[in-house]
Amino acid sequence: MSEKKLWNELRKVKDPEIGHSLIDLGMIYGAKIEGKKAHVTMTLTTPACPLVGFIFSEVKKAVEAAGYIPEIDLTFDPPWTPERISPELKKKLGF
């Protein structure tokens, strides 16, 4: 088990509306391993996101697929903005 495997699994989680990785969208603020647990800090594009349960569940599954017990914190500080999108995805989306 490694941090690389954790990030690889998290990269598979896609925003269901946009269809791109939460990591590339800048919605995963951090992930660190502490023993058998993986602590993930993430956000959503808006606090009123109707898919929060689905996205949260997919992140949890990704952490478990990497072999860790998930500890997921949802935060809106700092709030998500399009500036958080990776340069590669910005180019793909025409930003």
N, C-alpha and C. Protein backbone atom coordinates (compact mmCIF):
# COMPACT_ATOMS: atom_id res chain seq x y z
N MET A 1 0.85 -1.18 0.00
CA MET A 1 0.00 0.00 0.00
C MET A 1 0.89 1.24 0.00
N SER A 2 0.52 2.20 -0.80
CA SER A 2 1.34 3.40 -0.89
C SER A 2 0.48 4.62 -1.19
N GLU A 3 1.10 5.75 -0.99
CA GLU A 3 0.41 7.00 -1.29
C GLU A 3 0.12 7.09 -2.79
N LYS A 4 1.02 6.58 -3.62
CA LYS A 4 0.81 6.60 -5.07
C LYS A 4 -0.44 5.81 -5.45
N LYS A 5 -0.62 4.65 -4.83
CA LYS A 5 -1.81 3.83 -5.11
C LYS A 5 -3.08 4.58 -4.68
N LEU A 6 -3.02 5.23 -3.53
CA LEU A 6 -4.17 6.01 -3.06
C LEU A 6 -4.54 7.09 -4.08
N TRP A 7 -3.56 7.85 -4.54
CA TRP A 7 -3.82 8.92 -5.50
C TRP A 7 -4.30 8.35 -6.84
N ASN A 8 -3.77 7.20 -7.25
CA ASN A 8 -4.23 6.56 -8.49
C ASN A 8 -5.69 6.17 -8.39
N GLU A 9 -6.10 5.64 -7.24
CA GLU A 9 -7.51 5.27 -7.05
C GLU A 9 -8.40 6.51 -7.01
N LEU A 10 -7.94 7.54 -6.33
CA LEU A 10 -8.73 8.78 -6.26
C LEU A 10 -8.88 9.42 -7.64
N ARG A 11 -7.85 9.28 -8.47
CA ARG A 11 -7.90 9.85 -9.82
C ARG A 11 -9.02 9.22 -10.66
N LYS A 12 -9.44 8.01 -10.31
CA LYS A 12 -10.50 7.31 -11.04
C LYS A 12 -11.89 7.88 -10.73
N VAL A 13 -12.01 8.62 -9.65
CA VAL A 13 -13.31 9.17 -9.25
C VAL A 13 -13.61 10.39 -10.12
N LYS A 14 -14.69 10.30 -10.85
CA LYS A 14 -15.07 11.37 -11.76
C LYS A 14 -16.31 12.11 -11.27
N ASP A 15 -16.34 13.38 -11.53
CA ASP A 15 -17.53 14.16 -11.26
C ASP A 15 -18.62 13.65 -12.20
N PRO A 16 -19.76 13.23 -11.67
CA PRO A 16 -20.79 12.62 -12.53
C PRO A 16 -21.40 13.57 -13.55
N GLU A 17 -21.35 14.86 -13.31
CA GLU A 17 -21.92 15.81 -14.26
C GLU A 17 -20.90 16.23 -15.32
N ILE A 18 -19.66 16.42 -14.90
CA ILE A 18 -18.63 16.92 -15.81
C ILE A 18 -17.86 15.78 -16.47
N GLY A 19 -17.75 14.65 -15.78
CA GLY A 19 -17.10 13.48 -16.36
C GLY A 19 -15.59 13.50 -16.31
N HIS A 20 -15.03 14.33 -15.44
CA HIS A 20 -13.57 14.39 -15.29
C HIS A 20 -13.19 14.12 -13.83
N SER A 21 -11.96 13.71 -13.65
CA SER A 21 -11.45 13.35 -12.33
C SER A 21 -11.59 14.49 -11.33
N LEU A 22 -11.98 14.12 -10.09
CA LEU A 22 -12.05 15.12 -9.03
C LEU A 22 -10.69 15.76 -8.79
N ILE A 23 -9.63 14.99 -9.00
CA ILE A 23 -8.28 15.53 -8.82
C ILE A 23 -8.01 16.60 -9.88
N ASP A 24 -8.29 16.30 -11.15
CA ASP A 24 -8.07 17.28 -12.21
C ASP A 24 -8.95 18.50 -12.06
N LEU A 25 -10.11 18.31 -11.46
CA LEU A 25 -11.02 19.44 -11.21
C LEU A 25 -10.60 20.26 -9.99
N GLY A 26 -9.61 19.78 -9.25
CA GLY A 26 -9.14 20.50 -8.06
C GLY A 26 -10.04 20.36 -6.86
N MET A 27 -10.81 19.29 -6.82
CA MET A 27 -11.76 19.10 -5.72
C MET A 27 -11.18 18.26 -4.58
N ILE A 28 -10.05 17.59 -4.81
CA ILE A 28 -9.36 16.87 -3.75
C ILE A 28 -8.26 17.80 -3.25
N TYR A 29 -8.39 18.27 -2.03
CA TYR A 29 -7.43 19.22 -1.48
C TYR A 29 -6.22 18.53 -0.88
N GLY A 30 -6.39 17.28 -0.48
CA GLY A 30 -5.25 16.55 0.09
C GLY A 30 -5.63 15.14 0.46
N ALA A 31 -4.62 14.29 0.52
CA ALA A 31 -4.81 12.90 0.95
C ALA A 31 -3.52 12.45 1.60
N LYS A 32 -3.64 11.93 2.81
CA LYS A 32 -2.45 11.43 3.48
C LYS A 32 -2.78 10.14 4.21
N ILE A 33 -1.78 9.31 4.31
CA ILE A 33 -1.93 8.01 4.94
C ILE A 33 -1.42 8.09 6.36
N GLU A 34 -2.21 7.54 7.26
CA GLU A 34 -1.84 7.45 8.68
C GLU A 34 -2.14 6.04 9.15
N GLY A 35 -1.14 5.17 9.07
CA GLY A 35 -1.35 3.78 9.43
C GLY A 35 -2.26 3.09 8.43
N LYS A 36 -3.36 2.55 8.93
CA LYS A 36 -4.32 1.86 8.05
C LYS A 36 -5.39 2.80 7.52
N LYS A 37 -5.34 4.06 7.92
CA LYS A 37 -6.34 5.04 7.50
C LYS A 37 -5.78 5.97 6.44
N ALA A 38 -6.65 6.44 5.58
CA ALA A 38 -6.30 7.47 4.62
C ALA A 38 -7.24 8.64 4.85
N HIS A 39 -6.66 9.77 5.13
CA HIS A 39 -7.42 10.98 5.41
C HIS A 39 -7.48 11.82 4.13
N VAL A 40 -8.69 12.03 3.61
CA VAL A 40 -8.88 12.79 2.38
C VAL A 40 -9.67 14.05 2.71
N THR A 41 -9.16 15.18 2.25
CA THR A 41 -9.88 16.44 2.38
C THR A 41 -10.32 16.84 0.98
N MET A 42 -11.60 17.09 0.85
CA MET A 42 -12.15 17.40 -0.47
C MET A 42 -13.22 18.48 -0.38
N THR A 43 -13.62 18.95 -1.54
CA THR A 43 -14.68 19.94 -1.62
C THR A 43 -15.59 19.57 -2.78
N LEU A 44 -16.58 20.38 -2.98
CA LEU A 44 -17.49 20.25 -4.13
C LEU A 44 -17.53 21.61 -4.82
N THR A 45 -18.05 21.64 -6.03
CA THR A 45 -18.10 22.91 -6.74
C THR A 45 -19.06 23.89 -6.08
N THR A 46 -20.03 23.35 -5.33
CA THR A 46 -20.99 24.20 -4.63
C THR A 46 -21.50 23.45 -3.39
N PRO A 47 -21.74 24.16 -2.29
CA PRO A 47 -22.27 23.50 -1.10
C PRO A 47 -23.64 22.87 -1.33
N ALA A 48 -24.37 23.33 -2.33
CA ALA A 48 -25.71 22.81 -2.60
C ALA A 48 -25.70 21.68 -3.63
N CYS A 49 -24.55 21.08 -3.87
CA CYS A 49 -24.43 20.01 -4.87
C CYS A 49 -25.41 18.88 -4.55
N PRO A 50 -26.31 18.54 -5.47
CA PRO A 50 -27.27 17.49 -5.20
C PRO A 50 -26.66 16.08 -5.24
N LEU A 51 -25.42 15.96 -5.70
CA LEU A 51 -24.78 14.66 -5.83
C LEU A 51 -23.74 14.41 -4.74
N VAL A 52 -23.81 15.16 -3.66
CA VAL A 52 -22.82 15.03 -2.59
C VAL A 52 -22.73 13.60 -2.08
N GLY A 53 -23.83 12.93 -1.86
CA GLY A 53 -23.83 11.56 -1.35
C GLY A 53 -23.14 10.61 -2.29
N PHE A 54 -23.43 10.74 -3.58
CA PHE A 54 -22.81 9.87 -4.59
C PHE A 54 -21.31 10.11 -4.67
N ILE A 55 -20.90 11.36 -4.74
CA ILE A 55 -19.47 11.69 -4.86
C ILE A 55 -18.73 11.22 -3.62
N PHE A 56 -19.29 11.48 -2.45
CA PHE A 56 -18.67 11.07 -1.19
C PHE A 56 -18.50 9.54 -1.17
N SER A 57 -19.51 8.82 -1.62
CA SER A 57 -19.47 7.36 -1.66
C SER A 57 -18.39 6.86 -2.62
N GLU A 58 -18.23 7.51 -3.75
CA GLU A 58 -17.22 7.11 -4.73
C GLU A 58 -15.80 7.36 -4.20
N VAL A 59 -15.61 8.45 -3.48
CA VAL A 59 -14.30 8.72 -2.86
C VAL A 59 -14.01 7.67 -1.80
N LYS A 60 -15.01 7.33 -1.01
CA LYS A 60 -14.85 6.29 0.02
C LYS A 60 -14.45 4.96 -0.62
N LYS A 61 -15.13 4.58 -1.70
CA LYS A 61 -14.80 3.33 -2.41
C LYS A 61 -13.37 3.35 -2.94
N ALA A 62 -12.93 4.50 -3.45
CA ALA A 62 -11.58 4.62 -3.99
C ALA A 62 -10.54 4.42 -2.89
N VAL A 63 -10.78 5.00 -1.73
CA VAL A 63 -9.86 4.84 -0.60
C VAL A 63 -9.81 3.38 -0.18
N GLU A 64 -10.96 2.75 -0.11
CA GLU A 64 -11.02 1.33 0.25
C GLU A 64 -10.32 0.46 -0.80
N ALA A 65 -10.47 0.80 -2.08
CA ALA A 65 -9.81 0.05 -3.15
C ALA A 65 -8.29 0.15 -3.05
N ALA A 66 -7.81 1.24 -2.48
CA ALA A 66 -6.37 1.42 -2.27
C ALA A 66 -5.89 0.65 -1.04
N GLY A 67 -6.83 0.11 -0.26
CA GLY A 67 -6.47 -0.70 0.90
C GLY A 67 -6.48 0.03 2.23
N TYR A 68 -7.17 1.15 2.28
CA TYR A 68 -7.19 1.95 3.51
C TYR A 68 -8.60 2.14 4.05
N ILE A 69 -8.67 2.50 5.30
CA ILE A 69 -9.92 2.87 5.94
C ILE A 69 -10.11 4.36 5.68
N PRO A 70 -11.23 4.74 5.05
CA PRO A 70 -11.41 6.15 4.69
C PRO A 70 -11.81 7.04 5.85
N GLU A 71 -11.19 8.19 5.88
CA GLU A 71 -11.58 9.31 6.75
C GLU A 71 -11.67 10.50 5.81
N ILE A 72 -12.89 10.90 5.50
CA ILE A 72 -13.08 11.94 4.50
C ILE A 72 -13.69 13.18 5.14
N ASP A 73 -13.03 14.30 4.90
CA ASP A 73 -13.53 15.59 5.38
C ASP A 73 -13.98 16.40 4.18
N LEU A 74 -15.20 16.88 4.25
CA LEU A 74 -15.74 17.76 3.23
C LEU A 74 -15.61 19.19 3.74
N THR A 75 -14.97 20.04 2.95
CA THR A 75 -14.76 21.42 3.37
C THR A 75 -15.11 22.37 2.24
N PHE A 76 -15.45 23.57 2.60
CA PHE A 76 -15.69 24.62 1.62
C PHE A 76 -14.79 25.82 1.92
N ASP A 77 -13.71 25.55 2.63
CA ASP A 77 -12.74 26.58 2.99
C ASP A 77 -11.35 26.10 2.63
N PRO A 78 -10.78 26.53 1.54
CA PRO A 78 -11.29 27.57 0.66
C PRO A 78 -12.34 27.04 -0.29
N PRO A 79 -13.21 27.91 -0.77
CA PRO A 79 -14.23 27.47 -1.71
C PRO A 79 -13.59 27.08 -3.05
N TRP A 80 -14.25 26.15 -3.74
CA TRP A 80 -13.76 25.73 -5.05
C TRP A 80 -14.02 26.84 -6.06
N THR A 81 -13.06 27.05 -6.95
CA THR A 81 -13.21 27.96 -8.08
C THR A 81 -12.61 27.28 -9.31
N PRO A 82 -12.97 27.71 -10.50
CA PRO A 82 -12.40 27.11 -11.72
C PRO A 82 -10.88 27.23 -11.79
N GLU A 83 -10.29 28.15 -11.06
CA GLU A 83 -8.84 28.29 -11.06
C GLU A 83 -8.15 27.05 -10.50
N ARG A 84 -8.87 26.21 -9.77
CA ARG A 84 -8.30 25.00 -9.17
C ARG A 84 -8.15 23.87 -10.20
N ILE A 85 -8.77 24.01 -11.36
CA ILE A 85 -8.70 22.97 -12.40
C ILE A 85 -7.26 22.86 -12.90
N SER A 86 -6.81 21.63 -13.13
CA SER A 86 -5.44 21.41 -13.60
C SER A 86 -5.22 22.08 -14.96
N PRO A 87 -3.99 22.50 -15.23
CA PRO A 87 -3.70 23.13 -16.53
C PRO A 87 -4.07 22.23 -17.71
N GLU A 88 -3.83 20.93 -17.58
CA GLU A 88 -4.14 20.01 -18.66
C GLU A 88 -5.64 19.98 -18.97
N LEU A 89 -6.45 19.93 -17.90
CA LEU A 89 -7.89 19.89 -18.09
C LEU A 89 -8.41 21.23 -18.59
N LYS A 90 -7.83 22.32 -18.11
CA LYS A 90 -8.24 23.64 -18.61
C LYS A 90 -8.04 23.71 -20.12
N LYS A 91 -6.92 23.20 -20.58
CA LYS A 91 -6.62 23.22 -22.02
C LYS A 91 -7.64 22.37 -22.76
N LYS A 92 -7.94 21.19 -22.21
CA LYS A 92 -8.89 20.28 -22.85
C LYS A 92 -10.29 20.90 -22.92
N LEU A 93 -10.66 21.64 -21.87
CA LEU A 93 -11.98 22.25 -21.80
C LEU A 93 -12.04 23.59 -22.53
N GLY A 94 -10.89 24.06 -23.01
CA GLY A 94 -10.86 25.30 -23.75
C GLY A 94 -10.82 26.56 -22.90
N PHE A 95 -10.30 26.43 -21.67
CA PHE A 95 -10.18 27.61 -20.80
C PHE A 95 -9.00 28.44 -21.24
